[in-house]
Amino acid sequence: MEVVHTITELRTRIREYRRINDQSVGFVPTMGYLHEGHASLLRKAREQSGLVVLSIFVNPLQFGPGEDFERYPRNTERDLELAEASGVDLVFMPDVKEMYPSANRTIVSVEGVTARLCGASRPGHFDGVATVVSKLFHIVQPDQAFFGLKDAQQIAVIEQMVFDLNLDVEIVPCPILREADGLAMSSRNVYLSKEEREQALVLSQSLMQAKAFVESNRLFTSEQLISKVSRHIETAPLAVIDYVEVLSYPSLEPLEAVSSSDDDTIIIALAVKFGKTRLIDNLILQVRK
């Protein structure tokens, strides 16, 4: 495994690889503080790609005022150990000046799919995500890019950007990885106190209850699902709900009545704060005939 810190170095290594190999390049962009969820993406890339490229970059553009950019967890040594154990060939670790050498005058903004969920709660967040991912795609020029479905809205945004801009990369969504007790794996879980960590289990529990409700009811409304999920989350005294929504996926358009005969894909998405830590989770369901 090789670690590079500049765009020129990265492009040189990938160009050298492509000159002598006809296998694909797989790419996993991250903000570091890697966990088993990231490792699952890297292993998937290893299975499907000849060259596996990992980026570790905490992108300031996607953090709003008062958010946790400065205190976002970082552990380079552990990240590199996990990357090597997961079969990564090339790690790109630029600093902010390398990615944004001057004031950024070009922003990639994706409309529609950013109007709700985290796009509404964190204005400008997805402009930062789309901009940095676009930059990374142009730098790496991967054949495939692997993203976790824990941030399903992010995948919808990136897929829309790739479609609209005719980018030559396949987006590969990968399942959410959870701890043994159901909590979705996240770099931000490290912020949780013991009590917050215990109460955060209401997130996955509420989604599982919603899944059982969908499977046992032929006709239901978004409001019924939202109410069911919200009521369970509110049983945790420390939980402060940012949003609970039920939308079509990946268009992220509102739904009214949902029938088990509609043959639609829906997402139940939520964001909840425990203390200063904001967690997201979701469940994507195929509602079939």
C-alpha atoms as a PDB file:
ATOM      1  CA  MET A   1       0.000   0.000   0.000  1.00  0.00           C
ATOM      2  CA  GLU A   2       1.263   3.457  -0.905  1.00  0.00           C
ATOM      3  CA  VAL A   3       0.227   6.767   0.650  1.00  0.00           C
ATOM      4  CA  VAL A   4       0.349   9.960  -1.423  1.00  0.00           C
ATOM      5  CA  HIS A   5      -0.481  13.514  -0.425  1.00  0.00           C
ATOM      6  CA  THR A   6      -0.640  15.478  -3.678  1.00  0.00           C
ATOM      7  CA  ILE A   7      -2.923  15.393  -6.700  1.00  0.00           C
ATOM      8  CA  THR A   8       0.093  15.129  -9.008  1.00  0.00           C
ATOM      9  CA  GLU A   9       1.417  12.055  -7.181  1.00  0.00           C
ATOM     10  CA  LEU A  10      -1.982  10.385  -7.230  1.00  0.00           C
ATOM     11  CA  ARG A  11      -2.555  11.011 -10.912  1.00  0.00           C
ATOM     12  CA  THR A  12       0.927   9.733 -11.724  1.00  0.00           C
ATOM     13  CA  ARG A  13       0.389   6.457  -9.834  1.00  0.00           C
ATOM     14  CA  ILE A  14      -3.025   5.843 -11.428  1.00  0.00           C
ATOM     15  CA  ARG A  15      -1.707   6.701 -14.877  1.00  0.00           C
ATOM     16  CA  GLU A  16       1.166   4.240 -14.405  1.00  0.00           C
ATOM     17  CA  TYR A  17      -1.279   1.547 -13.315  1.00  0.00           C
ATOM     18  CA  ARG A  18      -3.598   2.067 -16.275  1.00  0.00           C
ATOM     19  CA  ARG A  19      -0.670   2.029 -18.718  1.00  0.00           C
ATOM     20  CA  ILE A  20       0.192  -1.573 -17.860  1.00  0.00           C
ATOM     21  CA  ASN A  21      -3.161  -2.957 -16.618  1.00  0.00           C
ATOM     22  CA  ASP A  22      -6.587  -3.256 -18.174  1.00  0.00           C
ATOM     23  CA  GLN A  23      -8.380  -3.831 -14.864  1.00  0.00           C
ATOM     24  CA  SER A  24     -10.746  -1.347 -13.282  1.00  0.00           C
ATOM     25  CA  VAL A  25     -10.006   1.315 -10.673  1.00  0.00           C
ATOM     26  CA  GLY A  26     -12.272   1.255  -7.607  1.00  0.00           C
ATOM     27  CA  PHE A  27     -12.554   4.302  -5.363  1.00  0.00           C
ATOM     28  CA  VAL A  28     -13.793   4.812  -1.793  1.00  0.00           C
ATOM     29  CA  PRO A  29     -13.910   8.482  -0.689  1.00  0.00           C
ATOM     30  CA  THR A  30     -14.003   9.005   3.087  1.00  0.00           C
ATOM     31  CA  MET A  31     -13.363  11.598   5.774  1.00  0.00           C
ATOM     32  CA  GLY A  32     -11.286   9.129   7.764  1.00  0.00           C
ATOM     33  CA  TYR A  33     -11.679   7.793  11.287  1.00  0.00           C
ATOM     34  CA  LEU A  34     -12.408   4.519   9.553  1.00  0.00           C
ATOM     35  CA  HIS A  35     -14.523   1.765  11.058  1.00  0.00           C
ATOM     36  CA  GLU A  36     -15.867  -1.608   9.944  1.00  0.00           C
ATOM     37  CA  GLY A  37     -18.484   0.096   7.771  1.00  0.00           C
ATOM     38  CA  HIS A  38     -15.708   1.706   5.732  1.00  0.00           C
ATOM     39  CA  ALA A  39     -13.820  -1.583   5.703  1.00  0.00           C
ATOM     40  CA  SER A  40     -16.837  -3.279   4.116  1.00  0.00           C
ATOM     41  CA  LEU A  41     -16.739  -0.715   1.282  1.00  0.00           C
ATOM     42  CA  LEU A  42     -13.015  -1.292   0.803  1.00  0.00           C
ATOM     43  CA  ARG A  43     -13.464  -5.061   0.710  1.00  0.00           C
ATOM     44  CA  LYS A  44     -16.235  -4.670  -1.867  1.00  0.00           C
ATOM     45  CA  ALA A  45     -13.923  -2.492  -3.954  1.00  0.00           C
ATOM     46  CA  ARG A  46     -11.171  -5.096  -3.560  1.00  0.00           C
ATOM     47  CA  GLU A  47     -13.492  -7.813  -4.881  1.00  0.00           C
ATOM     48  CA  GLN A  48     -14.491  -5.815  -7.950  1.00  0.00           C
ATOM     49  CA  SER A  49     -11.419  -3.750  -8.833  1.00  0.00           C
ATOM     50  CA  GLY A  50      -7.860  -4.195  -9.954  1.00  0.00           C
ATOM     51  CA  LEU A  51      -6.652  -1.062  -8.174  1.00  0.00           C
ATOM     52  CA  VAL A  52      -8.317   0.142  -4.957  1.00  0.00           C
ATOM     53  CA  VAL A  53      -7.962   3.837  -4.142  1.00  0.00           C
ATOM     54  CA  LEU A  54      -9.010   5.294  -0.783  1.00  0.00           C
ATOM     55  CA  SER A  55      -9.194   9.013  -0.056  1.00  0.00           C
ATOM     56  CA  ILE A  56      -9.090  10.420   3.473  1.00  0.00           C
ATOM     57  CA  PHE A  57     -10.021  14.083   3.564  1.00  0.00           C
ATOM     58  CA  VAL A  58     -12.124  16.004   6.077  1.00  0.00           C
ATOM     59  CA  ASN A  59     -13.840  18.372   3.672  1.00  0.00           C
ATOM     60  CA  PRO A  60     -14.464  21.821   5.197  1.00  0.00           C
ATOM     61  CA  LEU A  61     -17.000  22.763   2.504  1.00  0.00           C
ATOM     62  CA  GLN A  62     -19.602  20.353   3.841  1.00  0.00           C
ATOM     63  CA  PHE A  63     -19.519  21.676   7.418  1.00  0.00           C
ATOM     64  CA  GLY A  64     -21.732  24.622   8.301  1.00  0.00           C
ATOM     65  CA  PRO A  65     -21.104  27.296  10.944  1.00  0.00           C
ATOM     66  CA  GLY A  66     -20.983  25.771  14.410  1.00  0.00           C
ATOM     67  CA  GLU A  67     -20.669  22.204  13.102  1.00  0.00           C
ATOM     68  CA  ASP A  68     -17.891  19.836  14.133  1.00  0.00           C
ATOM     69  CA  PHE A  69     -15.186  20.354  11.483  1.00  0.00           C
ATOM     70  CA  GLU A  70     -12.417  21.143  13.969  1.00  0.00           C
ATOM     71  CA  ARG A  71     -13.335  18.346  16.371  1.00  0.00           C
ATOM     72  CA  TYR A  72     -14.238  15.761  13.724  1.00  0.00           C
ATOM     73  CA  PRO A  73     -12.403  12.610  14.909  1.00  0.00           C
ATOM     74  CA  ARG A  74      -9.090  11.797  13.251  1.00  0.00           C
ATOM     75  CA  ASN A  75      -6.724   8.852  13.694  1.00  0.00           C
ATOM     76  CA  THR A  76      -4.341   8.514  10.766  1.00  0.00           C
ATOM     77  CA  GLU A  77      -2.346   5.581  12.121  1.00  0.00           C
ATOM     78  CA  ARG A  78      -5.429   3.469  12.748  1.00  0.00           C
ATOM     79  CA  ASP A  79      -6.930   4.484   9.392  1.00  0.00           C
ATOM     80  CA  LEU A  80      -3.863   3.277   7.506  1.00  0.00           C
ATOM     81  CA  GLU A  81      -3.795  -0.010   9.405  1.00  0.00           C
ATOM     82  CA  LEU A  82      -7.442  -0.682   8.551  1.00  0.00           C
ATOM     83  CA  ALA A  83      -6.885   0.363   4.936  1.00  0.00           C
ATOM     84  CA  GLU A  84      -3.965  -2.018   4.486  1.00  0.00           C
ATOM     85  CA  ALA A  85      -5.843  -4.880   6.150  1.00  0.00           C
ATOM     86  CA  SER A  86      -8.772  -4.239   3.762  1.00  0.00           C
ATOM     87  CA  GLY A  87      -6.635  -4.524   0.632  1.00  0.00           C
ATOM     88  CA  VAL A  88      -6.193  -0.879  -0.342  1.00  0.00           C
ATOM     89  CA  ASP A  89      -3.469  -0.193  -2.910  1.00  0.00           C
ATOM     90  CA  LEU A  90      -3.314   3.588  -2.876  1.00  0.00           C
ATOM     91  CA  VAL A  91      -4.305   6.092  -0.164  1.00  0.00           C
ATOM     92  CA  PHE A  92      -4.802   9.759  -1.059  1.00  0.00           C
ATOM     93  CA  MET A  93      -4.430  12.012   2.006  1.00  0.00           C
ATOM     94  CA  PRO A  94      -4.390  15.640   0.866  1.00  0.00           C
ATOM     95  CA  ASP A  95      -4.498  18.622   3.183  1.00  0.00           C
ATOM     96  CA  VAL A  96      -7.003  21.441   2.737  1.00  0.00           C
ATOM     97  CA  LYS A  97      -4.525  23.594   0.813  1.00  0.00           C
ATOM     98  CA  GLU A  98      -3.926  20.810  -1.695  1.00  0.00           C
ATOM     99  CA  MET A  99      -7.644  20.420  -2.416  1.00  0.00           C
ATOM    100  CA  TYR A 100      -8.491  24.132  -2.195  1.00  0.00           C
ATOM    101  CA  PRO A 101      -5.306  26.095  -2.970  1.00  0.00           C
ATOM    102  CA  SER A 102      -7.277  29.330  -3.221  1.00  0.00           C
ATOM    103  CA  ALA A 103     -10.791  30.569  -2.548  1.00  0.00           C
ATOM    104  CA  ASN A 104     -13.139  28.090  -4.227  1.00  0.00           C
ATOM    105  CA  ARG A 105     -15.075  29.930  -6.937  1.00  0.00           C
ATOM    106  CA  THR A 106     -16.811  26.882  -8.407  1.00  0.00           C
ATOM    107  CA  ILE A 107     -19.511  25.033  -6.471  1.00  0.00           C
ATOM    108  CA  VAL A 108     -21.438  21.993  -7.662  1.00  0.00           C
ATOM    109  CA  SER A 109     -25.051  22.306  -6.557  1.00  0.00           C
ATOM    110  CA  VAL A 110     -27.603  19.530  -7.074  1.00  0.00           C
ATOM    111  CA  GLU A 111     -31.252  20.562  -6.787  1.00  0.00           C
ATOM    112  CA  GLY A 112     -34.365  18.561  -5.980  1.00  0.00           C
ATOM    113  CA  VAL A 113     -32.904  15.633  -4.057  1.00  0.00           C
ATOM    114  CA  THR A 114     -31.205  18.086  -1.675  1.00  0.00           C
ATOM    115  CA  ALA A 115     -34.414  19.918  -0.761  1.00  0.00           C
ATOM    116  CA  ARG A 116     -35.322  17.683   2.192  1.00  0.00           C
ATOM    117  CA  LEU A 117     -33.742  15.667   5.012  1.00  0.00           C
ATOM    118  CA  CYS A 118     -30.144  16.755   5.687  1.00  0.00           C
ATOM    119  CA  GLY A 119     -30.301  19.173   2.776  1.00  0.00           C
ATOM    120  CA  ALA A 120     -32.961  21.160   4.622  1.00  0.00           C
ATOM    121  CA  SER A 121     -31.394  20.745   8.072  1.00  0.00           C
ATOM    122  CA  ARG A 122     -27.862  21.613   6.952  1.00  0.00           C
ATOM    123  CA  PRO A 123     -28.037  24.305   4.245  1.00  0.00           C
ATOM    124  CA  GLY A 124     -25.068  24.138   1.896  1.00  0.00           C
ATOM    125  CA  HIS A 125     -23.959  20.721   3.143  1.00  0.00           C
ATOM    126  CA  PHE A 126     -24.616  18.893  -0.107  1.00  0.00           C
ATOM    127  CA  ASP A 127     -23.043  21.664  -2.169  1.00  0.00           C
ATOM    128  CA  GLY A 128     -19.869  20.857  -0.249  1.00  0.00           C
ATOM    129  CA  VAL A 129     -20.332  17.117  -0.736  1.00  0.00           C
ATOM    130  CA  ALA A 130     -21.054  17.374  -4.465  1.00  0.00           C
ATOM    131  CA  THR A 131     -18.149  19.757  -5.015  1.00  0.00           C
ATOM    132  CA  VAL A 132     -15.531  17.625  -3.284  1.00  0.00           C
ATOM    133  CA  VAL A 133     -16.813  14.352  -4.767  1.00  0.00           C
ATOM    134  CA  SER A 134     -16.803  15.926  -8.242  1.00  0.00           C
ATOM    135  CA  LYS A 135     -13.213  17.056  -7.687  1.00  0.00           C
ATOM    136  CA  LEU A 136     -12.184  13.612  -6.464  1.00  0.00           C
ATOM    137  CA  PHE A 137     -13.880  11.882  -9.399  1.00  0.00           C
ATOM    138  CA  HIS A 138     -11.999  14.126 -11.827  1.00  0.00           C
ATOM    139  CA  ILE A 139      -8.712  13.506 -10.008  1.00  0.00           C
ATOM    140  CA  VAL A 140      -9.030   9.726  -9.593  1.00  0.00           C
ATOM    141  CA  GLN A 141     -11.187   8.968 -12.666  1.00  0.00           C
ATOM    142  CA  PRO A 142     -12.424   5.707 -11.146  1.00  0.00           C
ATOM    143  CA  ASP A 143     -14.478   3.093 -12.951  1.00  0.00           C
ATOM    144  CA  GLN A 144     -16.522   2.469  -9.806  1.00  0.00           C
ATOM    145  CA  ALA A 145     -17.048   4.419  -6.579  1.00  0.00           C
ATOM    146  CA  PHE A 146     -18.380   2.745  -3.436  1.00  0.00           C
ATOM    147  CA  PHE A 147     -20.645   4.509  -0.904  1.00  0.00           C
ATOM    148  CA  GLY A 148     -22.494   3.310   2.196  1.00  0.00           C
ATOM    149  CA  LEU A 149     -26.272   3.549   2.310  1.00  0.00           C
ATOM    150  CA  LYS A 150     -26.242   4.961   5.840  1.00  0.00           C
ATOM    151  CA  ASP A 151     -26.220   8.314   4.083  1.00  0.00           C
ATOM    152  CA  ALA A 152     -28.744   7.340   1.423  1.00  0.00           C
ATOM    153  CA  GLN A 153     -29.446  10.969   0.539  1.00  0.00           C
ATOM    154  CA  GLN A 154     -25.768  11.474  -0.230  1.00  0.00           C
ATOM    155  CA  ILE A 155     -25.894   8.558  -2.675  1.00  0.00           C
ATOM    156  CA  ALA A 156     -29.010   9.996  -4.324  1.00  0.00           C
ATOM    157  CA  VAL A 157     -27.251  13.364  -4.688  1.00  0.00           C
ATOM    158  CA  ILE A 158     -24.103  11.832  -6.151  1.00  0.00           C
ATOM    159  CA  GLU A 159     -26.045   9.600  -8.543  1.00  0.00           C
ATOM    160  CA  GLN A 160     -27.975  12.646  -9.761  1.00  0.00           C
ATOM    161  CA  MET A 161     -24.737  14.593 -10.240  1.00  0.00           C
ATOM    162  CA  VAL A 162     -23.133  11.718 -12.145  1.00  0.00           C
ATOM    163  CA  PHE A 163     -26.199  11.437 -14.396  1.00  0.00           C
ATOM    164  CA  ASP A 164     -26.560  15.153 -15.055  1.00  0.00           C
ATOM    165  CA  LEU A 165     -22.855  15.741 -15.741  1.00  0.00           C
ATOM    166  CA  ASN A 166     -22.348  12.507 -17.729  1.00  0.00           C
ATOM    167  CA  LEU A 167     -19.511  11.412 -15.456  1.00  0.00           C
ATOM    168  CA  ASP A 168     -18.032   8.081 -16.480  1.00  0.00           C
ATOM    169  CA  VAL A 169     -18.216   6.314 -13.122  1.00  0.00           C
ATOM    170  CA  GLU A 170     -20.542   3.657 -11.709  1.00  0.00           C
ATOM    171  CA  ILE A 171     -21.874   4.382  -8.227  1.00  0.00           C
ATOM    172  CA  VAL A 172     -22.045   1.219  -6.110  1.00  0.00           C
ATOM    173  CA  PRO A 173     -24.336   1.563  -3.037  1.00  0.00           C
ATOM    174  CA  CYS A 174     -23.372  -0.770  -0.174  1.00  0.00           C
ATOM    175  CA  PRO A 175     -25.518  -1.909   2.789  1.00  0.00           C
ATOM    176  CA  ILE A 176     -25.492  -0.180   6.178  1.00  0.00           C
ATOM    177  CA  LEU A 177     -23.254  -1.962   8.672  1.00  0.00           C
ATOM    178  CA  ARG A 178     -24.499  -2.045  12.241  1.00  0.00           C
ATOM    179  CA  GLU A 179     -23.073  -2.839  15.629  1.00  0.00           C
ATOM    180  CA  ALA A 180     -24.268  -6.065  17.232  1.00  0.00           C
ATOM    181  CA  ASP A 181     -26.987  -4.126  19.077  1.00  0.00           C
ATOM    182  CA  GLY A 182     -28.248  -2.436  15.898  1.00  0.00           C
ATOM    183  CA  LEU A 183     -26.645   1.024  16.042  1.00  0.00           C
ATOM    184  CA  ALA A 184     -25.524   2.102  12.585  1.00  0.00           C
ATOM    185  CA  MET A 185     -21.736   2.384  12.429  1.00  0.00           C
ATOM    186  CA  SER A 186     -20.566   5.989  12.250  1.00  0.00           C
ATOM    187  CA  SER A 187     -17.370   7.898  12.932  1.00  0.00           C
ATOM    188  CA  ARG A 188     -19.452  10.210  15.128  1.00  0.00           C
ATOM    189  CA  ASN A 189     -20.485   7.397  17.496  1.00  0.00           C
ATOM    190  CA  VAL A 190     -17.245   8.058  19.377  1.00  0.00           C
ATOM    191  CA  TYR A 191     -18.763  11.316  20.638  1.00  0.00           C
ATOM    192  CA  LEU A 192     -21.575   9.542  22.496  1.00  0.00           C
ATOM    193  CA  SER A 193     -21.503   9.144  26.259  1.00  0.00           C
ATOM    194  CA  LYS A 194     -22.383   5.721  27.661  1.00  0.00           C
ATOM    195  CA  GLU A 195     -25.955   6.829  28.377  1.00  0.00           C
ATOM    196  CA  GLU A 196     -26.357   8.504  24.966  1.00  0.00           C
ATOM    197  CA  ARG A 197     -24.984   5.390  23.274  1.00  0.00           C
ATOM    198  CA  GLU A 198     -27.546   3.205  25.042  1.00  0.00           C
ATOM    199  CA  GLN A 199     -30.442   5.509  24.208  1.00  0.00           C
ATOM    200  CA  ALA A 200     -29.356   5.821  20.561  1.00  0.00           C
ATOM    201  CA  LEU A 201     -30.553   2.253  20.036  1.00  0.00           C
ATOM    202  CA  VAL A 202     -34.067   3.667  19.662  1.00  0.00           C
ATOM    203  CA  LEU A 203     -33.103   4.682  16.111  1.00  0.00           C
ATOM    204  CA  SER A 204     -32.659   1.205  14.682  1.00  0.00           C
ATOM    205  CA  GLN A 205     -35.447  -0.132  16.883  1.00  0.00           C
ATOM    206  CA  SER A 206     -37.903   2.412  15.517  1.00  0.00           C
ATOM    207  CA  LEU A 207     -36.969   1.509  11.944  1.00  0.00           C
ATOM    208  CA  MET A 208     -37.462  -2.194  12.607  1.00  0.00           C
ATOM    209  CA  GLN A 209     -40.884  -1.461  14.087  1.00  0.00           C
ATOM    210  CA  ALA A 210     -41.743   0.553  10.971  1.00  0.00           C
ATOM    211  CA  LYS A 211     -40.627  -2.328   8.758  1.00  0.00           C
ATOM    212  CA  ALA A 212     -42.883  -4.746  10.635  1.00  0.00           C
ATOM    213  CA  PHE A 213     -45.771  -2.275  10.334  1.00  0.00           C
ATOM    214  CA  VAL A 214     -45.281  -1.956   6.554  1.00  0.00           C
ATOM    215  CA  GLU A 215     -45.110  -5.716   6.125  1.00  0.00           C
ATOM    216  CA  SER A 216     -48.336  -6.285   8.081  1.00  0.00           C
ATOM    217  CA  ASN A 217     -50.477  -3.479   6.616  1.00  0.00           C
ATOM    218  CA  ARG A 218     -51.815  -3.342   3.086  1.00  0.00           C
ATOM    219  CA  LEU A 219     -52.483   0.384   3.096  1.00  0.00           C
ATOM    220  CA  PHE A 220     -50.887   3.066   5.248  1.00  0.00           C
ATOM    221  CA  THR A 221     -49.876   6.710   5.104  1.00  0.00           C
ATOM    222  CA  SER A 222     -46.580   8.485   5.494  1.00  0.00           C
ATOM    223  CA  GLU A 223     -47.992  10.218   8.543  1.00  0.00           C
ATOM    224  CA  GLN A 224     -48.711   6.883  10.215  1.00  0.00           C
ATOM    225  CA  LEU A 225     -45.144   5.712   9.670  1.00  0.00           C
ATOM    226  CA  ILE A 226     -43.652   9.023  10.779  1.00  0.00           C
ATOM    227  CA  SER A 227     -45.795   9.008  13.911  1.00  0.00           C
ATOM    228  CA  LYS A 228     -44.852   5.430  14.758  1.00  0.00           C
ATOM    229  CA  VAL A 229     -41.123   6.067  14.357  1.00  0.00           C
ATOM    230  CA  SER A 230     -41.236   9.404  16.193  1.00  0.00           C
ATOM    231  CA  ARG A 231     -43.160   8.028  19.154  1.00  0.00           C
ATOM    232  CA  HIS A 232     -40.595   5.305  19.723  1.00  0.00           C
ATOM    233  CA  ILE A 233     -37.643   7.701  19.422  1.00  0.00           C
ATOM    234  CA  GLU A 234     -39.296  10.015  21.949  1.00  0.00           C
ATOM    235  CA  THR A 235     -39.205   7.250  24.558  1.00  0.00           C
ATOM    236  CA  ALA A 236     -35.477   8.077  24.874  1.00  0.00           C
ATOM    237  CA  PRO A 237     -35.246  11.151  27.146  1.00  0.00           C
ATOM    238  CA  LEU A 238     -32.003  12.385  25.573  1.00  0.00           C
ATOM    239  CA  ALA A 239     -33.246  12.149  21.974  1.00  0.00           C
ATOM    240  CA  VAL A 240     -33.978  15.396  20.131  1.00  0.00           C
ATOM    241  CA  ILE A 241     -35.511  14.735  16.717  1.00  0.00           C
ATOM    242  CA  ASP A 242     -34.226  16.801  13.802  1.00  0.00           C
ATOM    243  CA  TYR A 243     -36.424  15.024  11.265  1.00  0.00           C
ATOM    244  CA  VAL A 244     -38.318  11.832  10.562  1.00  0.00           C
ATOM    245  CA  GLU A 245     -39.538  11.557   6.984  1.00  0.00           C
ATOM    246  CA  VAL A 246     -40.978   8.993   4.593  1.00  0.00           C
ATOM    247  CA  LEU A 247     -40.166   9.669   0.940  1.00  0.00           C
ATOM    248  CA  SER A 248     -39.842   7.941  -2.395  1.00  0.00           C
ATOM    249  CA  TYR A 249     -36.323   6.738  -3.170  1.00  0.00           C
ATOM    250  CA  PRO A 250     -34.107   7.828  -4.851  1.00  0.00           C
ATOM    251  CA  SER A 251     -36.177  10.835  -5.991  1.00  0.00           C
ATOM    252  CA  LEU A 252     -36.812  11.854  -2.345  1.00  0.00           C
ATOM    253  CA  GLU A 253     -40.266  13.182  -3.181  1.00  0.00           C
ATOM    254  CA  PRO A 254     -43.039  13.270  -0.558  1.00  0.00           C
ATOM    255  CA  LEU A 255     -45.582  10.465  -0.388  1.00  0.00           C
ATOM    256  CA  GLU A 256     -49.186  10.499   0.733  1.00  0.00           C
ATOM    257  CA  ALA A 257     -50.885   7.123   0.995  1.00  0.00           C
ATOM    258  CA  VAL A 258     -48.618   4.147   0.400  1.00  0.00           C
ATOM    259  CA  SER A 259     -50.126   0.862  -0.723  1.00  0.00           C
ATOM    260  CA  SER A 260     -48.513  -2.536  -0.627  1.00  0.00           C
ATOM    261  CA  SER A 261     -49.604  -2.835  -4.264  1.00  0.00           C
ATOM    262  CA  ASP A 262     -47.772   0.296  -5.430  1.00  0.00           C
ATOM    263  CA  ASP A 263     -44.514  -1.539  -6.235  1.00  0.00           C
ATOM    264  CA  ASP A 264     -42.495   1.456  -5.047  1.00  0.00           C
ATOM    265  CA  THR A 265     -39.262   1.987  -3.187  1.00  0.00           C
ATOM    266  CA  ILE A 266     -39.572   4.164  -0.107  1.00  0.00           C
ATOM    267  CA  ILE A 267     -37.098   5.440   2.454  1.00  0.00           C
ATOM    268  CA  ILE A 268     -37.796   6.050   6.125  1.00  0.00           C
ATOM    269  CA  ALA A 269     -35.072   8.528   7.083  1.00  0.00           C
ATOM    270  CA  LEU A 270     -34.265  10.139  10.389  1.00  0.00           C
ATOM    271  CA  ALA A 271     -31.786  12.456  12.071  1.00  0.00           C
ATOM    272  CA  VAL A 272     -31.673  12.708  15.845  1.00  0.00           C
ATOM    273  CA  LYS A 273     -29.384  14.490  18.295  1.00  0.00           C
ATOM    274  CA  PHE A 274     -28.080  12.960  21.493  1.00  0.00           C
ATOM    275  CA  GLY A 275     -26.323  15.740  23.334  1.00  0.00           C
ATOM    276  CA  LYS A 276     -24.110  17.444  20.769  1.00  0.00           C
ATOM    277  CA  THR A 277     -23.986  14.389  18.492  1.00  0.00           C
ATOM    278  CA  ARG A 278     -26.272  14.232  15.482  1.00  0.00           C
ATOM    279  CA  LEU A 279     -26.913  10.718  14.156  1.00  0.00           C
ATOM    280  CA  ILE A 280     -28.639   9.674  10.955  1.00  0.00           C
ATOM    281  CA  ASP A 281     -30.168   6.345  10.019  1.00  0.00           C
ATOM    282  CA  ASN A 282     -32.603   5.044   7.438  1.00  0.00           C
ATOM    283  CA  LEU A 283     -34.432   2.063   6.058  1.00  0.00           C
ATOM    284  CA  ILE A 284     -35.116   1.552   2.358  1.00  0.00           C
ATOM    285  CA  LEU A 285     -38.076  -0.694   1.644  1.00  0.00           C
ATOM    286  CA  GLN A 286     -39.339  -2.179  -1.574  1.00  0.00           C
ATOM    287  CA  VAL A 287     -43.137  -2.021  -1.379  1.00  0.00           C
ATOM    288  CA  ARG A 288     -44.155  -4.704  -3.868  1.00  0.00           C
ATOM    289  CA  LYS A 289     -47.380  -6.082  -5.265  1.00  0.00           C
END
